[in-house]
Amino acid sequence: MKVLLVKFSYVLLMLLLISIISFVAIHAAPNSFLAAGELNPNMTPQTIAQLKAIYGLDKPLLQQYGDWIVNMLTLNFGISFVSGAEVSSEILKRLPITLAMNIVSMAVAFALSIYLGIKAALHFQQRYDYAVRQLSLLSFAMPSFYLALLMILFFSLHLDWFPIAGLHSIEPKEGVAYYADMAWHLVLPIGVMIFLSLGSMTIYVRSLTLEILKSDYYFFARTRGLSSRQLLRHYIVPNLLPPIVTLLGLSLPGLIGGSVILESIFGIEGMGQLFYLSALSRDYPVIMGILMITAFLTLLGNIIADAVLLKINPFMKK
């Protein structure tokens, strides 16, 4: 419990530092959202000043930051420069689909990497091990946008198995068919996310398994005449879980960051696409809101990983 309390305090400190860095970086960027309006001859200085007053841009930076922090505590990230809607509502509309994609892809990649990595280690220097290593290297080196375009060309345009983009078909559906149609649209993007995260995790699991197979406790377990299934269940998997759970917690930023590219390519109205469009239009309230939500989810994932480690590794409590 003490470890989790220390971790929670660390999360609060990190969120404060991230908020400061994000706020300073955004306001230090050249130009602004109102720069285009200032070049418009139809925009009078009085109109520009009125817009700055509406969005609180006429205040000193320190006061702007203080107001933003106070409002953020109530999940009020301000008003979007582009749509005029509340930033929190814009994010909450798009957050579920991004979280669903990342959770599903992480769970499947986690299960597949454990299976492939352990089996590759048990067949060390054999054909299966060689095939798994080559597949992992291909996954590790493949750019996400290139793989996404290849999947669209082959499975959508050539074979016509899956939709090219979007979340729903042209004809609206209801009930179970609505969610089935959404899942059908998400097969390709989630498949890309699974393949891209599979390589590094599989190589990591294979390396850890090889170390376990060389250990003294595994050797003595084999001399006791335990079966392969017993060795796998009681010696290999329990010793693999702690480092893998730690790796999953560290992988969250990369997964959420990768959603920006994939959601833009597949036309999915998620948080990644919103961040990309907001960056193009310099919609600073939305950008800062997404940065803080992403940072919070990443740190929350690390806390969950630590809690799982405490459960499966009691020695960490001491």
C-alpha atoms as a PDB file:
ATOM      1  CA  MET A   1       0.000   0.000   0.000  1.00  0.00           C
ATOM      2  CA  LYS A   2       2.851   2.353   0.828  1.00  0.00           C
ATOM      3  CA  VAL A   3       4.366   1.769  -2.615  1.00  0.00           C
ATOM      4  CA  LEU A   4       1.102   2.730  -4.326  1.00  0.00           C
ATOM      5  CA  LEU A   5       0.783   5.905  -2.231  1.00  0.00           C
ATOM      6  CA  VAL A   6       4.303   6.935  -3.206  1.00  0.00           C
ATOM      7  CA  LYS A   7       3.472   6.153  -6.822  1.00  0.00           C
ATOM      8  CA  PHE A   8       0.293   8.250  -6.639  1.00  0.00           C
ATOM      9  CA  SER A   9       2.256  11.217  -5.289  1.00  0.00           C
ATOM     10  CA  TYR A  10       4.730  10.742  -8.110  1.00  0.00           C
ATOM     11  CA  VAL A  11       1.861  10.797 -10.621  1.00  0.00           C
ATOM     12  CA  LEU A  12       0.555  14.107  -9.255  1.00  0.00           C
ATOM     13  CA  LEU A  13       4.020  15.635  -9.477  1.00  0.00           C
ATOM     14  CA  MET A  14       4.508  14.355 -13.026  1.00  0.00           C
ATOM     15  CA  LEU A  15       1.134  15.731 -14.119  1.00  0.00           C
ATOM     16  CA  LEU A  16       2.095  19.140 -12.733  1.00  0.00           C
ATOM     17  CA  LEU A  17       5.424  19.096 -14.571  1.00  0.00           C
ATOM     18  CA  ILE A  18       3.780  17.895 -17.791  1.00  0.00           C
ATOM     19  CA  SER A  19       1.192  20.655 -17.562  1.00  0.00           C
ATOM     20  CA  ILE A  20       3.916  23.290 -17.158  1.00  0.00           C
ATOM     21  CA  ILE A  21       5.977  21.948 -20.062  1.00  0.00           C
ATOM     22  CA  SER A  22       2.928  21.602 -22.319  1.00  0.00           C
ATOM     23  CA  PHE A  23       1.656  25.088 -21.518  1.00  0.00           C
ATOM     24  CA  VAL A  24       5.047  26.726 -22.084  1.00  0.00           C
ATOM     25  CA  ALA A  25       5.701  24.773 -25.303  1.00  0.00           C
ATOM     26  CA  ILE A  26       2.309  25.621 -26.783  1.00  0.00           C
ATOM     27  CA  HIS A  27       2.615  29.339 -26.038  1.00  0.00           C
ATOM     28  CA  ALA A  28       6.225  29.423 -27.249  1.00  0.00           C
ATOM     29  CA  ALA A  29       5.216  28.093 -30.678  1.00  0.00           C
ATOM     30  CA  PRO A  30       5.411  30.648 -33.525  1.00  0.00           C
ATOM     31  CA  ASN A  31       2.198  32.337 -34.641  1.00  0.00           C
ATOM     32  CA  SER A  32      -1.137  31.531 -33.063  1.00  0.00           C
ATOM     33  CA  PHE A  33      -4.690  30.592 -33.912  1.00  0.00           C
ATOM     34  CA  LEU A  34      -5.568  34.282 -34.242  1.00  0.00           C
ATOM     35  CA  ALA A  35      -2.609  34.997 -36.525  1.00  0.00           C
ATOM     36  CA  ALA A  36      -4.698  34.234 -39.630  1.00  0.00           C
ATOM     37  CA  GLY A  37      -7.400  36.581 -38.375  1.00  0.00           C
ATOM     38  CA  GLU A  38      -4.900  39.363 -37.823  1.00  0.00           C
ATOM     39  CA  LEU A  39      -3.947  39.136 -41.505  1.00  0.00           C
ATOM     40  CA  ASN A  40      -7.579  39.338 -42.575  1.00  0.00           C
ATOM     41  CA  PRO A  41      -8.418  42.935 -43.576  1.00  0.00           C
ATOM     42  CA  ASN A  42     -12.029  42.403 -42.475  1.00  0.00           C
ATOM     43  CA  MET A  43     -10.907  41.664 -38.894  1.00  0.00           C
ATOM     44  CA  THR A  44     -10.586  44.905 -36.969  1.00  0.00           C
ATOM     45  CA  PRO A  45      -8.229  45.266 -33.989  1.00  0.00           C
ATOM     46  CA  GLN A  46     -11.297  45.592 -31.760  1.00  0.00           C
ATOM     47  CA  THR A  47     -12.578  42.204 -32.985  1.00  0.00           C
ATOM     48  CA  ILE A  48      -9.187  40.577 -32.380  1.00  0.00           C
ATOM     49  CA  ALA A  49      -9.075  42.062 -28.874  1.00  0.00           C
ATOM     50  CA  GLN A  50     -12.613  40.830 -28.192  1.00  0.00           C
ATOM     51  CA  LEU A  51     -11.699  37.287 -29.267  1.00  0.00           C
ATOM     52  CA  LYS A  52      -8.626  37.331 -27.043  1.00  0.00           C
ATOM     53  CA  ALA A  53     -10.775  38.448 -24.114  1.00  0.00           C
ATOM     54  CA  ILE A  54     -13.290  35.656 -24.765  1.00  0.00           C
ATOM     55  CA  TYR A  55     -10.592  32.981 -24.711  1.00  0.00           C
ATOM     56  CA  GLY A  56      -8.613  34.621 -21.911  1.00  0.00           C
ATOM     57  CA  LEU A  57      -5.593  35.298 -24.135  1.00  0.00           C
ATOM     58  CA  ASP A  58      -5.354  38.910 -23.038  1.00  0.00           C
ATOM     59  CA  LYS A  59      -4.238  37.932 -19.523  1.00  0.00           C
ATOM     60  CA  PRO A  60      -0.606  37.435 -18.387  1.00  0.00           C
ATOM     61  CA  LEU A  61       0.750  33.947 -19.063  1.00  0.00           C
ATOM     62  CA  LEU A  62       1.064  33.108 -15.375  1.00  0.00           C
ATOM     63  CA  GLN A  63      -2.572  34.004 -14.797  1.00  0.00           C
ATOM     64  CA  GLN A  64      -3.615  32.026 -17.897  1.00  0.00           C
ATOM     65  CA  TYR A  65      -1.790  28.985 -16.545  1.00  0.00           C
ATOM     66  CA  GLY A  66      -3.354  29.365 -13.097  1.00  0.00           C
ATOM     67  CA  ASP A  67      -6.854  29.640 -14.553  1.00  0.00           C
ATOM     68  CA  TRP A  68      -6.203  26.610 -16.778  1.00  0.00           C
ATOM     69  CA  ILE A  69      -5.013  24.480 -13.855  1.00  0.00           C
ATOM     70  CA  VAL A  70      -7.995  25.442 -11.703  1.00  0.00           C
ATOM     71  CA  ASN A  71     -10.436  24.679 -14.518  1.00  0.00           C
ATOM     72  CA  MET A  72      -8.658  21.421 -15.364  1.00  0.00           C
ATOM     73  CA  LEU A  73      -9.331  20.097 -11.855  1.00  0.00           C
ATOM     74  CA  THR A  74     -13.014  20.056 -12.820  1.00  0.00           C
ATOM     75  CA  LEU A  75     -12.227  18.580 -16.275  1.00  0.00           C
ATOM     76  CA  ASN A  76     -12.886  21.940 -17.878  1.00  0.00           C
ATOM     77  CA  PHE A  77     -10.210  22.295 -20.553  1.00  0.00           C
ATOM     78  CA  GLY A  78     -11.708  25.400 -22.091  1.00  0.00           C
ATOM     79  CA  ILE A  79     -13.454  26.045 -25.401  1.00  0.00           C
ATOM     80  CA  SER A  80     -12.246  24.859 -28.788  1.00  0.00           C
ATOM     81  CA  PHE A  81     -11.064  27.654 -31.069  1.00  0.00           C
ATOM     82  CA  VAL A  82     -12.406  25.826 -34.133  1.00  0.00           C
ATOM     83  CA  SER A  83     -15.758  24.307 -33.166  1.00  0.00           C
ATOM     84  CA  GLY A  84     -16.636  26.540 -30.216  1.00  0.00           C
ATOM     85  CA  ALA A  85     -17.602  23.451 -28.211  1.00  0.00           C
ATOM     86  CA  GLU A  86     -16.216  22.453 -24.821  1.00  0.00           C
ATOM     87  CA  VAL A  87     -12.909  20.636 -25.134  1.00  0.00           C
ATOM     88  CA  SER A  88     -13.893  18.034 -22.524  1.00  0.00           C
ATOM     89  CA  SER A  89     -16.997  17.038 -24.509  1.00  0.00           C
ATOM     90  CA  GLU A  90     -14.959  16.836 -27.734  1.00  0.00           C
ATOM     91  CA  ILE A  91     -12.429  14.520 -26.074  1.00  0.00           C
ATOM     92  CA  LEU A  92     -15.012  12.364 -24.288  1.00  0.00           C
ATOM     93  CA  LYS A  93     -16.804  11.726 -27.592  1.00  0.00           C
ATOM     94  CA  ARG A  94     -13.620  10.349 -29.161  1.00  0.00           C
ATOM     95  CA  LEU A  95     -11.822   8.809 -26.194  1.00  0.00           C
ATOM     96  CA  PRO A  96     -13.796   5.501 -25.934  1.00  0.00           C
ATOM     97  CA  ILE A  97     -12.970   4.299 -29.442  1.00  0.00           C
ATOM     98  CA  THR A  98      -9.259   5.086 -28.985  1.00  0.00           C
ATOM     99  CA  LEU A  99      -9.150   3.302 -25.626  1.00  0.00           C
ATOM    100  CA  ALA A 100     -11.040   0.305 -27.033  1.00  0.00           C
ATOM    101  CA  MET A 101      -8.619  -0.041 -29.952  1.00  0.00           C
ATOM    102  CA  ASN A 102      -5.565   0.187 -27.702  1.00  0.00           C
ATOM    103  CA  ILE A 103      -6.885  -2.183 -25.029  1.00  0.00           C
ATOM    104  CA  VAL A 104      -7.902  -4.854 -27.548  1.00  0.00           C
ATOM    105  CA  SER A 105      -4.646  -4.605 -29.501  1.00  0.00           C
ATOM    106  CA  MET A 106      -2.574  -4.703 -26.310  1.00  0.00           C
ATOM    107  CA  ALA A 107      -4.419  -7.738 -24.925  1.00  0.00           C
ATOM    108  CA  VAL A 108      -4.110  -9.728 -28.168  1.00  0.00           C
ATOM    109  CA  ALA A 109      -0.461  -8.746 -28.684  1.00  0.00           C
ATOM    110  CA  PHE A 110       0.267  -9.679 -25.052  1.00  0.00           C
ATOM    111  CA  ALA A 111      -1.222 -13.165 -25.449  1.00  0.00           C
ATOM    112  CA  LEU A 112       0.386 -13.807 -28.844  1.00  0.00           C
ATOM    113  CA  SER A 113       3.818 -12.587 -27.775  1.00  0.00           C
ATOM    114  CA  ILE A 114       3.838 -14.889 -24.737  1.00  0.00           C
ATOM    115  CA  TYR A 115       2.860 -17.881 -26.868  1.00  0.00           C
ATOM    116  CA  LEU A 116       5.289 -17.147 -29.715  1.00  0.00           C
ATOM    117  CA  GLY A 117       8.150 -16.091 -27.449  1.00  0.00           C
ATOM    118  CA  ILE A 118       7.963 -19.132 -25.176  1.00  0.00           C
ATOM    119  CA  LYS A 119       7.581 -21.560 -28.065  1.00  0.00           C
ATOM    120  CA  ALA A 120      10.499 -19.952 -29.921  1.00  0.00           C
ATOM    121  CA  ALA A 121      12.709 -20.292 -26.840  1.00  0.00           C
ATOM    122  CA  LEU A 122      11.708 -23.936 -26.366  1.00  0.00           C
ATOM    123  CA  HIS A 123      12.671 -24.559 -30.028  1.00  0.00           C
ATOM    124  CA  PHE A 124      15.901 -22.577 -29.814  1.00  0.00           C
ATOM    125  CA  GLN A 125      17.932 -22.430 -33.061  1.00  0.00           C
ATOM    126  CA  GLN A 126      15.300 -24.465 -34.902  1.00  0.00           C
ATOM    127  CA  ARG A 127      13.119 -23.482 -37.859  1.00  0.00           C
ATOM    128  CA  TYR A 128      10.274 -22.270 -35.665  1.00  0.00           C
ATOM    129  CA  ASP A 129      12.629 -20.041 -33.681  1.00  0.00           C
ATOM    130  CA  TYR A 130      14.097 -18.628 -36.895  1.00  0.00           C
ATOM    131  CA  ALA A 131      10.619 -17.901 -38.324  1.00  0.00           C
ATOM    132  CA  VAL A 132       9.480 -16.139 -35.143  1.00  0.00           C
ATOM    133  CA  ARG A 133      12.625 -13.999 -35.052  1.00  0.00           C
ATOM    134  CA  GLN A 134      12.212 -12.949 -38.682  1.00  0.00           C
ATOM    135  CA  LEU A 135       8.539 -12.109 -38.122  1.00  0.00           C
ATOM    136  CA  SER A 136       9.438 -10.089 -35.019  1.00  0.00           C
ATOM    137  CA  LEU A 137      12.136  -8.138 -36.843  1.00  0.00           C
ATOM    138  CA  LEU A 138       9.696  -7.384 -39.664  1.00  0.00           C
ATOM    139  CA  SER A 139       7.148  -6.148 -37.137  1.00  0.00           C
ATOM    140  CA  PHE A 140       9.748  -4.038 -35.356  1.00  0.00           C
ATOM    141  CA  ALA A 141      11.009  -2.393 -38.567  1.00  0.00           C
ATOM    142  CA  MET A 142       7.666  -1.878 -40.357  1.00  0.00           C
ATOM    143  CA  PRO A 143       6.418   1.752 -40.447  1.00  0.00           C
ATOM    144  CA  SER A 144       2.816   2.002 -39.267  1.00  0.00           C
ATOM    145  CA  PHE A 145       1.594   4.160 -42.154  1.00  0.00           C
ATOM    146  CA  TYR A 146       3.169   1.845 -44.762  1.00  0.00           C
ATOM    147  CA  LEU A 147       1.633  -1.297 -43.263  1.00  0.00           C
ATOM    148  CA  ALA A 148      -1.752   0.431 -42.998  1.00  0.00           C
ATOM    149  CA  LEU A 149      -1.666   1.369 -46.689  1.00  0.00           C
ATOM    150  CA  LEU A 150      -0.630  -2.183 -47.652  1.00  0.00           C
ATOM    151  CA  MET A 151      -3.537  -3.632 -45.646  1.00  0.00           C
ATOM    152  CA  ILE A 152      -5.986  -1.247 -47.306  1.00  0.00           C
ATOM    153  CA  LEU A 153      -4.673  -2.025 -50.807  1.00  0.00           C
ATOM    154  CA  PHE A 154      -4.766  -5.799 -50.325  1.00  0.00           C
ATOM    155  CA  PHE A 155      -7.710  -6.523 -48.019  1.00  0.00           C
ATOM    156  CA  SER A 156      -9.985  -3.598 -48.930  1.00  0.00           C
ATOM    157  CA  LEU A 157      -9.307  -2.753 -52.562  1.00  0.00           C
ATOM    158  CA  HIS A 158      -8.022  -6.061 -53.965  1.00  0.00           C
ATOM    159  CA  LEU A 159      -9.975  -8.655 -51.955  1.00  0.00           C
ATOM    160  CA  ASP A 160     -12.834  -6.355 -50.856  1.00  0.00           C
ATOM    161  CA  TRP A 161     -13.040  -8.072 -47.468  1.00  0.00           C
ATOM    162  CA  PHE A 162     -12.981  -5.066 -45.161  1.00  0.00           C
ATOM    163  CA  PRO A 163     -14.065  -1.408 -45.402  1.00  0.00           C
ATOM    164  CA  ILE A 164     -11.442   1.116 -46.429  1.00  0.00           C
ATOM    165  CA  ALA A 165     -12.086   3.675 -43.692  1.00  0.00           C
ATOM    166  CA  GLY A 166     -14.583   4.978 -41.170  1.00  0.00           C
ATOM    167  CA  LEU A 167     -16.455   3.345 -38.322  1.00  0.00           C
ATOM    168  CA  HIS A 168     -19.828   2.582 -39.908  1.00  0.00           C
ATOM    169  CA  SER A 169     -21.346   1.625 -43.218  1.00  0.00           C
ATOM    170  CA  ILE A 170     -23.362   4.065 -45.294  1.00  0.00           C
ATOM    171  CA  GLU A 171     -26.625   2.384 -44.318  1.00  0.00           C
ATOM    172  CA  PRO A 172     -27.279   2.977 -40.610  1.00  0.00           C
ATOM    173  CA  LYS A 173     -27.688  -0.095 -38.411  1.00  0.00           C
ATOM    174  CA  GLU A 174     -29.156  -0.597 -34.963  1.00  0.00           C
ATOM    175  CA  GLY A 175     -28.708  -2.884 -31.981  1.00  0.00           C
ATOM    176  CA  VAL A 176     -26.176  -5.691 -32.207  1.00  0.00           C
ATOM    177  CA  ALA A 177     -25.682  -5.046 -35.939  1.00  0.00           C
ATOM    178  CA  TYR A 178     -24.445  -1.541 -35.091  1.00  0.00           C
ATOM    179  CA  TYR A 179     -21.577  -2.818 -32.931  1.00  0.00           C
ATOM    180  CA  ALA A 180     -20.858  -5.723 -35.293  1.00  0.00           C
ATOM    181  CA  ASP A 181     -20.524  -3.258 -38.143  1.00  0.00           C
ATOM    182  CA  MET A 182     -18.191  -1.094 -36.048  1.00  0.00           C
ATOM    183  CA  ALA A 183     -16.056  -4.113 -35.138  1.00  0.00           C
ATOM    184  CA  TRP A 184     -15.845  -5.056 -38.836  1.00  0.00           C
ATOM    185  CA  HIS A 185     -14.524  -1.584 -39.644  1.00  0.00           C
ATOM    186  CA  LEU A 186     -11.912  -1.853 -36.865  1.00  0.00           C
ATOM    187  CA  VAL A 187     -10.400  -5.178 -37.959  1.00  0.00           C
ATOM    188  CA  LEU A 188      -7.720  -3.601 -40.164  1.00  0.00           C
ATOM    189  CA  PRO A 189      -6.572  -0.788 -37.829  1.00  0.00           C
ATOM    190  CA  ILE A 190      -6.498  -3.085 -34.796  1.00  0.00           C
ATOM    191  CA  GLY A 191      -4.689  -5.714 -36.871  1.00  0.00           C
ATOM    192  CA  VAL A 192      -2.027  -3.159 -37.771  1.00  0.00           C
ATOM    193  CA  MET A 193      -1.642  -2.148 -34.117  1.00  0.00           C
ATOM    194  CA  ILE A 194      -1.301  -5.784 -33.023  1.00  0.00           C
ATOM    195  CA  PHE A 195       1.345  -6.598 -35.625  1.00  0.00           C
ATOM    196  CA  LEU A 196       3.402  -3.482 -34.870  1.00  0.00           C
ATOM    197  CA  SER A 197       3.499  -4.117 -31.120  1.00  0.00           C
ATOM    198  CA  LEU A 198       4.042  -7.875 -31.484  1.00  0.00           C
ATOM    199  CA  GLY A 199       7.689  -7.829 -32.587  1.00  0.00           C
ATOM    200  CA  SER A 200       9.434  -6.189 -29.654  1.00  0.00           C
ATOM    201  CA  MET A 201       7.291  -8.018 -27.082  1.00  0.00           C
ATOM    202  CA  THR A 202       7.940 -11.416 -28.689  1.00  0.00           C
ATOM    203  CA  ILE A 203      11.705 -10.885 -28.799  1.00  0.00           C
ATOM    204  CA  TYR A 204      11.602  -9.754 -25.161  1.00  0.00           C
ATOM    205  CA  VAL A 205       9.611 -12.809 -24.049  1.00  0.00           C
ATOM    206  CA  ARG A 206      11.917 -15.121 -25.999  1.00  0.00           C
ATOM    207  CA  SER A 207      14.993 -13.599 -24.355  1.00  0.00           C
ATOM    208  CA  LEU A 208      13.505 -13.878 -20.870  1.00  0.00           C
ATOM    209  CA  THR A 209      12.439 -17.472 -21.471  1.00  0.00           C
ATOM    210  CA  LEU A 210      15.932 -18.443 -22.610  1.00  0.00           C
ATOM    211  CA  GLU A 211      17.343 -17.031 -19.360  1.00  0.00           C
ATOM    212  CA  ILE A 212      14.826 -19.066 -17.358  1.00  0.00           C
ATOM    213  CA  LEU A 213      15.693 -22.233 -19.264  1.00  0.00           C
ATOM    214  CA  LYS A 214      19.378 -21.718 -18.314  1.00  0.00           C
ATOM    215  CA  SER A 215      18.633 -21.101 -14.631  1.00  0.00           C
ATOM    216  CA  ASP A 216      19.502 -23.503 -11.822  1.00  0.00           C
ATOM    217  CA  TYR A 217      15.963 -23.747 -10.430  1.00  0.00           C
ATOM    218  CA  TYR A 218      14.634 -24.804 -13.843  1.00  0.00           C
ATOM    219  CA  PHE A 219      17.382 -27.424 -14.147  1.00  0.00           C
ATOM    220  CA  PHE A 220      16.565 -28.915 -10.739  1.00  0.00           C
ATOM    221  CA  ALA A 221      12.848 -28.845 -11.574  1.00  0.00           C
ATOM    222  CA  ARG A 222      13.569 -30.946 -14.658  1.00  0.00           C
ATOM    223  CA  THR A 223      15.610 -33.425 -12.617  1.00  0.00           C
ATOM    224  CA  ARG A 224      12.541 -33.991 -10.429  1.00  0.00           C
ATOM    225  CA  GLY A 225      10.772 -35.426 -13.474  1.00  0.00           C
ATOM    226  CA  LEU A 226       8.152 -32.702 -13.904  1.00  0.00           C
ATOM    227  CA  SER A 227       6.246 -32.698 -17.183  1.00  0.00           C
ATOM    228  CA  SER A 228       6.600 -29.943 -19.779  1.00  0.00           C
ATOM    229  CA  ARG A 229       3.193 -28.528 -18.851  1.00  0.00           C
ATOM    230  CA  GLN A 230       4.122 -28.389 -15.150  1.00  0.00           C
ATOM    231  CA  LEU A 231       7.417 -26.689 -15.953  1.00  0.00           C
ATOM    232  CA  LEU A 232       5.600 -24.154 -18.102  1.00  0.00           C
ATOM    233  CA  ARG A 233       2.870 -23.465 -15.549  1.00  0.00           C
ATOM    234  CA  HIS A 234       4.940 -23.330 -12.344  1.00  0.00           C
ATOM    235  CA  TYR A 235       8.374 -22.122 -13.463  1.00  0.00           C
ATOM    236  CA  ILE A 236       8.334 -20.358 -16.837  1.00  0.00           C
ATOM    237  CA  VAL A 237       5.114 -18.294 -16.868  1.00  0.00           C
ATOM    238  CA  PRO A 238       5.279 -17.043 -13.213  1.00  0.00           C
ATOM    239  CA  ASN A 239       8.830 -15.762 -13.754  1.00  0.00           C
ATOM    240  CA  LEU A 240       7.880 -14.126 -17.054  1.00  0.00           C
ATOM    241  CA  LEU A 241       4.902 -12.126 -15.807  1.00  0.00           C
ATOM    242  CA  PRO A 242       6.629  -9.410 -13.680  1.00  0.00           C
ATOM    243  CA  PRO A 243       8.926  -8.041 -16.421  1.00  0.00           C
ATOM    244  CA  ILE A 244       6.189  -8.359 -19.056  1.00  0.00           C
ATOM    245  CA  VAL A 245       3.694  -6.405 -16.934  1.00  0.00           C
ATOM    246  CA  THR A 246       6.331  -3.706 -16.503  1.00  0.00           C
ATOM    247  CA  LEU A 247       6.866  -3.645 -20.275  1.00  0.00           C
ATOM    248  CA  LEU A 248       3.128  -3.230 -20.864  1.00  0.00           C
ATOM    249  CA  GLY A 249       3.046  -0.200 -18.593  1.00  0.00           C
ATOM    250  CA  LEU A 250       5.937   1.365 -20.505  1.00  0.00           C
ATOM    251  CA  SER A 251       4.327   0.553 -23.881  1.00  0.00           C
ATOM    252  CA  LEU A 252       1.211   2.676 -23.321  1.00  0.00           C
ATOM    253  CA  PRO A 253       2.675   5.971 -24.612  1.00  0.00           C
ATOM    254  CA  GLY A 254       3.724   4.336 -27.881  1.00  0.00           C
ATOM    255  CA  LEU A 255       0.323   2.750 -28.410  1.00  0.00           C
ATOM    256  CA  ILE A 256      -1.610   5.955 -27.806  1.00  0.00           C
ATOM    257  CA  GLY A 257       0.848   7.953 -29.890  1.00  0.00           C
ATOM    258  CA  GLY A 258       0.515   5.488 -32.761  1.00  0.00           C
ATOM    259  CA  SER A 259      -3.229   6.097 -32.834  1.00  0.00           C
ATOM    260  CA  VAL A 260      -2.609   9.556 -34.307  1.00  0.00           C
ATOM    261  CA  ILE A 261      -1.293   8.084 -37.566  1.00  0.00           C
ATOM    262  CA  LEU A 262      -3.621   5.095 -37.845  1.00  0.00           C
ATOM    263  CA  GLU A 263      -6.799   6.991 -37.017  1.00  0.00           C
ATOM    264  CA  SER A 264      -5.924   9.591 -39.631  1.00  0.00           C
ATOM    265  CA  ILE A 265      -5.270   6.962 -42.314  1.00  0.00           C
ATOM    266  CA  PHE A 266      -8.349   4.855 -41.567  1.00  0.00           C
ATOM    267  CA  GLY A 267     -10.623   7.862 -41.000  1.00  0.00           C
ATOM    268  CA  ILE A 268     -11.525   6.870 -37.440  1.00  0.00           C
ATOM    269  CA  GLU A 269     -12.950   9.680 -35.345  1.00  0.00           C
ATOM    270  CA  GLY A 270     -10.860   8.994 -32.287  1.00  0.00           C
ATOM    271  CA  MET A 271      -8.641  11.032 -30.029  1.00  0.00           C
ATOM    272  CA  GLY A 272      -5.615  10.558 -32.273  1.00  0.00           C
ATOM    273  CA  GLN A 273      -7.361  12.061 -35.277  1.00  0.00           C
ATOM    274  CA  LEU A 274      -8.658  14.914 -33.130  1.00  0.00           C
ATOM    275  CA  PHE A 275      -5.116  15.685 -31.995  1.00  0.00           C
ATOM    276  CA  TYR A 276      -3.862  15.701 -35.594  1.00  0.00           C
ATOM    277  CA  LEU A 277      -6.622  18.031 -36.811  1.00  0.00           C
ATOM    278  CA  SER A 278      -6.190  20.305 -33.806  1.00  0.00           C
ATOM    279  CA  ALA A 279      -2.449  20.571 -34.458  1.00  0.00           C
ATOM    280  CA  LEU A 280      -3.109  21.581 -38.073  1.00  0.00           C
ATOM    281  CA  SER A 281      -5.595  24.265 -37.033  1.00  0.00           C
ATOM    282  CA  ARG A 282      -3.582  25.375 -33.958  1.00  0.00           C
ATOM    283  CA  ASP A 283      -6.514  24.636 -31.678  1.00  0.00           C
ATOM    284  CA  TYR A 284      -4.437  25.025 -28.506  1.00  0.00           C
ATOM    285  CA  PRO A 285      -7.111  24.224 -25.878  1.00  0.00           C
ATOM    286  CA  VAL A 286      -7.838  20.881 -27.551  1.00  0.00           C
ATOM    287  CA  ILE A 287      -4.123  20.090 -27.937  1.00  0.00           C
ATOM    288  CA  MET A 288      -3.385  20.783 -24.275  1.00  0.00           C
ATOM    289  CA  GLY A 289      -6.464  18.854 -23.152  1.00  0.00           C
ATOM    290  CA  ILE A 290      -5.432  15.777 -25.176  1.00  0.00           C
ATOM    291  CA  LEU A 291      -1.858  16.002 -23.889  1.00  0.00           C
ATOM    292  CA  MET A 292      -3.043  16.015 -20.285  1.00  0.00           C
ATOM    293  CA  ILE A 293      -5.549  13.191 -20.820  1.00  0.00           C
ATOM    294  CA  THR A 294      -2.886  11.101 -22.556  1.00  0.00           C
ATOM    295  CA  ALA A 295      -0.367  11.785 -19.786  1.00  0.00           C
ATOM    296  CA  PHE A 296      -2.913  10.844 -17.129  1.00  0.00           C
ATOM    297  CA  LEU A 297      -3.835   7.580 -18.895  1.00  0.00           C
ATOM    298  CA  THR A 298      -0.157   6.700 -19.313  1.00  0.00           C
ATOM    299  CA  LEU A 299       0.620   7.314 -15.641  1.00  0.00           C
ATOM    300  CA  LEU A 300      -2.560   5.483 -14.630  1.00  0.00           C
ATOM    301  CA  GLY A 301      -1.415   2.511 -16.692  1.00  0.00           C
ATOM    302  CA  ASN A 302       1.880   2.515 -14.809  1.00  0.00           C
ATOM    303  CA  ILE A 303       0.035   2.536 -11.479  1.00  0.00           C
ATOM    304  CA  ILE A 304      -2.100  -0.409 -12.602  1.00  0.00           C
ATOM    305  CA  ALA A 305       1.047  -2.233 -13.709  1.00  0.00           C
ATOM    306  CA  ASP A 306       2.611  -1.631 -10.278  1.00  0.00           C
ATOM    307  CA  ALA A 307      -0.545  -2.883  -8.549  1.00  0.00           C
ATOM    308  CA  VAL A 308      -0.477  -6.066 -10.653  1.00  0.00           C
ATOM    309  CA  LEU A 309       3.219  -6.522  -9.839  1.00  0.00           C
ATOM    310  CA  LEU A 310       2.445  -6.248  -6.120  1.00  0.00           C
ATOM    311  CA  LYS A 311      -0.167  -8.953  -6.551  1.00  0.00           C
ATOM    312  CA  ILE A 312       1.967 -11.432  -8.492  1.00  0.00           C
ATOM    313  CA  ASN A 313       5.259 -10.597  -6.745  1.00  0.00           C
ATOM    314  CA  PRO A 314       4.742 -10.306  -2.950  1.00  0.00           C
ATOM    315  CA  PHE A 315       8.468  -9.587  -2.378  1.00  0.00           C
ATOM    316  CA  MET A 316       7.919  -6.039  -3.749  1.00  0.00           C
ATOM    317  CA  LYS A 317       5.850  -5.206  -0.665  1.00  0.00           C
ATOM    318  CA  LYS A 318       8.912  -5.375   1.558  1.00  0.00           C
END
